[in-house]
C-alpha atoms as a PDB file:
ATOM      1  CA  UNK A   1     113.578  90.047  87.079  1.00  0.00           C
ATOM      2  CA  UNK A   2     112.955  89.344  83.380  1.00  0.00           C
ATOM      3  CA  UNK A   3     115.328  91.181  81.039  1.00  0.00           C
ATOM      4  CA  UNK A   4     112.602  93.325  79.442  1.00  0.00           C
ATOM      5  CA  UNK A   5     111.332  94.497  82.829  1.00  0.00           C
ATOM      6  CA  UNK A   6     114.949  95.177  83.865  1.00  0.00           C
ATOM      7  CA  UNK A   7     115.643  97.160  80.685  1.00  0.00           C
ATOM      8  CA  UNK A   8     112.415  99.154  81.093  1.00  0.00           C
ATOM      9  CA  UNK A   9     113.585 100.228  84.542  1.00  0.00           C
ATOM     10  CA  UNK A  10     116.299 102.378  82.955  1.00  0.00           C
ATOM     11  CA  UNK A  11     114.335 104.061  80.135  1.00  0.00           C
ATOM     12  CA  UNK A  12     114.156 107.813  80.565  1.00  0.00           C
ATOM     13  CA  UNK A  13     110.553 108.969  80.659  1.00  0.00           C
ATOM     14  CA  UNK A  14     108.300 111.812  81.751  1.00  0.00           C
ATOM     15  CA  UNK A  15     104.712 112.929  81.416  1.00  0.00           C
ATOM     16  CA  UNK A  16     103.773 114.113  77.896  1.00  0.00           C
ATOM     17  CA  UNK A  17     101.218 116.624  79.106  1.00  0.00           C
ATOM     18  CA  UNK A  18     100.770 119.285  81.754  1.00  0.00           C
ATOM     19  CA  UNK A  19      98.250 118.521  84.478  1.00  0.00           C
ATOM     20  CA  UNK A  20      96.601 120.398  87.307  1.00  0.00           C
ATOM     21  CA  UNK A  21      95.785 118.184  90.263  1.00  0.00           C
ATOM     22  CA  UNK A  22      92.847 118.437  92.648  1.00  0.00           C
ATOM     23  CA  UNK A  23      92.840 116.516  95.944  1.00  0.00           C
ATOM     24  CA  UNK A  24      89.351 115.108  96.456  1.00  0.00           C
ATOM     25  CA  UNK A  25      90.139 113.407  99.779  1.00  0.00           C
ATOM     26  CA  UNK A  26      90.357 109.696  98.993  1.00  0.00           C
ATOM     27  CA  UNK A  27      91.536 110.266  95.420  1.00  0.00           C
ATOM     28  CA  UNK A  28      93.342 112.871  93.384  1.00  0.00           C
ATOM     29  CA  UNK A  29      92.061 114.027  90.025  1.00  0.00           C
ATOM     30  CA  UNK A  30      94.630 115.114  87.414  1.00  0.00           C
ATOM     31  CA  UNK A  31      93.157 117.357  84.742  1.00  0.00           C
ATOM     32  CA  UNK A  32      95.104 117.970  81.517  1.00  0.00           C
ATOM     33  CA  UNK A  33      95.860 121.634  80.795  1.00  0.00           C
ATOM     34  CA  UNK A  34      97.767 123.504  78.120  1.00  0.00           C
ATOM     35  CA  UNK A  35      97.793 123.558  74.334  1.00  0.00           C
ATOM     36  CA  UNK A  36      97.615 119.797  73.833  1.00  0.00           C
ATOM     37  CA  UNK A  37      95.114 119.057  76.645  1.00  0.00           C
ATOM     38  CA  UNK A  38      92.431 118.173  74.091  1.00  0.00           C
ATOM     39  CA  UNK A  39      94.496 115.111  73.087  1.00  0.00           C
ATOM     40  CA  UNK A  40      93.455 113.460  76.350  1.00  0.00           C
ATOM     41  CA  UNK A  41      89.854 112.493  76.891  1.00  0.00           C
ATOM     42  CA  UNK A  42      88.730 112.892  80.469  1.00  0.00           C
ATOM     43  CA  UNK A  43      90.739 113.092  83.662  1.00  0.00           C
ATOM     44  CA  UNK A  44      93.063 110.741  85.497  1.00  0.00           C
ATOM     45  CA  UNK A  45      92.016 109.436  88.916  1.00  0.00           C
ATOM     46  CA  UNK A  46      94.861 108.539  91.254  1.00  0.00           C
ATOM     47  CA  UNK A  47      95.260 107.223  94.761  1.00  0.00           C
ATOM     48  CA  UNK A  48      97.865 108.878  97.005  1.00  0.00           C
ATOM     49  CA  UNK A  49     100.609 106.408  96.041  1.00  0.00           C
ATOM     50  CA  UNK A  50      99.879 106.662  92.321  1.00  0.00           C
ATOM     51  CA  UNK A  51      99.927 110.437  92.610  1.00  0.00           C
ATOM     52  CA  UNK A  52     103.394 110.340  94.132  1.00  0.00           C
ATOM     53  CA  UNK A  53     104.660 108.422  91.105  1.00  0.00           C
ATOM     54  CA  UNK A  54     102.727 110.788  88.825  1.00  0.00           C
ATOM     55  CA  UNK A  55     104.464 113.784  90.439  1.00  0.00           C
ATOM     56  CA  UNK A  56     107.916 112.231  89.990  1.00  0.00           C
ATOM     57  CA  UNK A  57     107.130 111.778  86.289  1.00  0.00           C
ATOM     58  CA  UNK A  58     106.786 115.536  85.781  1.00  0.00           C
ATOM     59  CA  UNK A  59     110.553 115.514  85.263  1.00  0.00           C
ATOM     60  CA  UNK A  60     112.744 113.174  83.260  1.00  0.00           C
ATOM     61  CA  UNK A  61     113.352 110.087  85.335  1.00  0.00           C
ATOM     62  CA  UNK A  62     113.552 106.318  85.177  1.00  0.00           C
ATOM     63  CA  UNK A  63     111.490 103.607  86.771  1.00  0.00           C
ATOM     64  CA  UNK A  64     114.533 102.620  88.839  1.00  0.00           C
ATOM     65  CA  UNK A  65     114.983 106.198  90.096  1.00  0.00           C
ATOM     66  CA  UNK A  66     111.327 106.346  91.140  1.00  0.00           C
ATOM     67  CA  UNK A  67     111.723 103.091  93.067  1.00  0.00           C
ATOM     68  CA  UNK A  68     114.881 104.442  94.748  1.00  0.00           C
ATOM     69  CA  UNK A  69     113.043 107.625  95.778  1.00  0.00           C
ATOM     70  CA  UNK A  70     110.121 105.688  97.229  1.00  0.00           C
ATOM     71  CA  UNK A  71     112.400 103.172  98.991  1.00  0.00           C
ATOM     72  CA  UNK A  72     114.180 106.039 100.726  1.00  0.00           C
ATOM     73  CA  UNK A  73     110.833 107.414 101.891  1.00  0.00           C
ATOM     74  CA  UNK A  74     108.959 104.233 102.842  1.00  0.00           C
ATOM     75  CA  UNK A  75     109.855 101.022 104.618  1.00  0.00           C
ATOM     76  CA  UNK A  76     108.295  98.710 102.035  1.00  0.00           C
ATOM     77  CA  UNK A  77     110.381  96.002 100.528  1.00  0.00           C
ATOM     78  CA  UNK A  78     112.098  97.055  97.302  1.00  0.00           C
ATOM     79  CA  UNK A  79     110.482  94.170  95.417  1.00  0.00           C
ATOM     80  CA  UNK A  80     106.979  95.339  96.384  1.00  0.00           C
ATOM     81  CA  UNK A  81     107.704  98.919  95.376  1.00  0.00           C
ATOM     82  CA  UNK A  82     109.332  97.822  92.116  1.00  0.00           C
ATOM     83  CA  UNK A  83     106.259  95.799  91.153  1.00  0.00           C
ATOM     84  CA  UNK A  84     103.854  98.590  92.127  1.00  0.00           C
ATOM     85  CA  UNK A  85     105.810 101.293  90.271  1.00  0.00           C
ATOM     86  CA  UNK A  86     106.078  99.070  87.199  1.00  0.00           C
ATOM     87  CA  UNK A  87     102.298  98.482  87.160  1.00  0.00           C
ATOM     88  CA  UNK A  88     101.521 102.189  87.526  1.00  0.00           C
ATOM     89  CA  UNK A  89     103.971 103.184  84.789  1.00  0.00           C
ATOM     90  CA  UNK A  90     102.578 100.458  82.539  1.00  0.00           C
ATOM     91  CA  UNK A  91      99.067 101.870  83.063  1.00  0.00           C
ATOM     92  CA  UNK A  92     100.251 105.422  82.360  1.00  0.00           C
ATOM     93  CA  UNK A  93     101.965 104.181  79.194  1.00  0.00           C
ATOM     94  CA  UNK A  94      98.804 102.380  78.037  1.00  0.00           C
ATOM     95  CA  UNK A  95      96.718 105.547  78.371  1.00  0.00           C
ATOM     96  CA  UNK A  96      99.403 107.468  76.472  1.00  0.00           C
ATOM     97  CA  UNK A  97     100.522 110.048  79.010  1.00  0.00           C
ATOM     98  CA  UNK A  98     104.207 109.066  79.210  1.00  0.00           C
ATOM     99  CA  UNK A  99     106.867 110.106  76.725  1.00  0.00           C
ATOM    100  CA  UNK A 100     109.882 107.799  76.526  1.00  0.00           C
END
């Protein structure tokens, strides 16, 4: 694991905004709510796995803690989950919804 990716795994982060989620069957739509909701344009579409990560980010956590939680719940290999969680968090960071 490259050092930067390793270091990122231990940064404390959480969602910057409040969201209400609506399950649409094959995807979940997260709609920003609250005083600063206008800072986000549009909604966030998530699959079931992405939504699980999204929910864990409602509270202060780390990438490593999210991976640990998912590893305890699923039988996937840790490496697969680590890569998936990293990609999702990277996407959330790019759209500006994570506070570090």
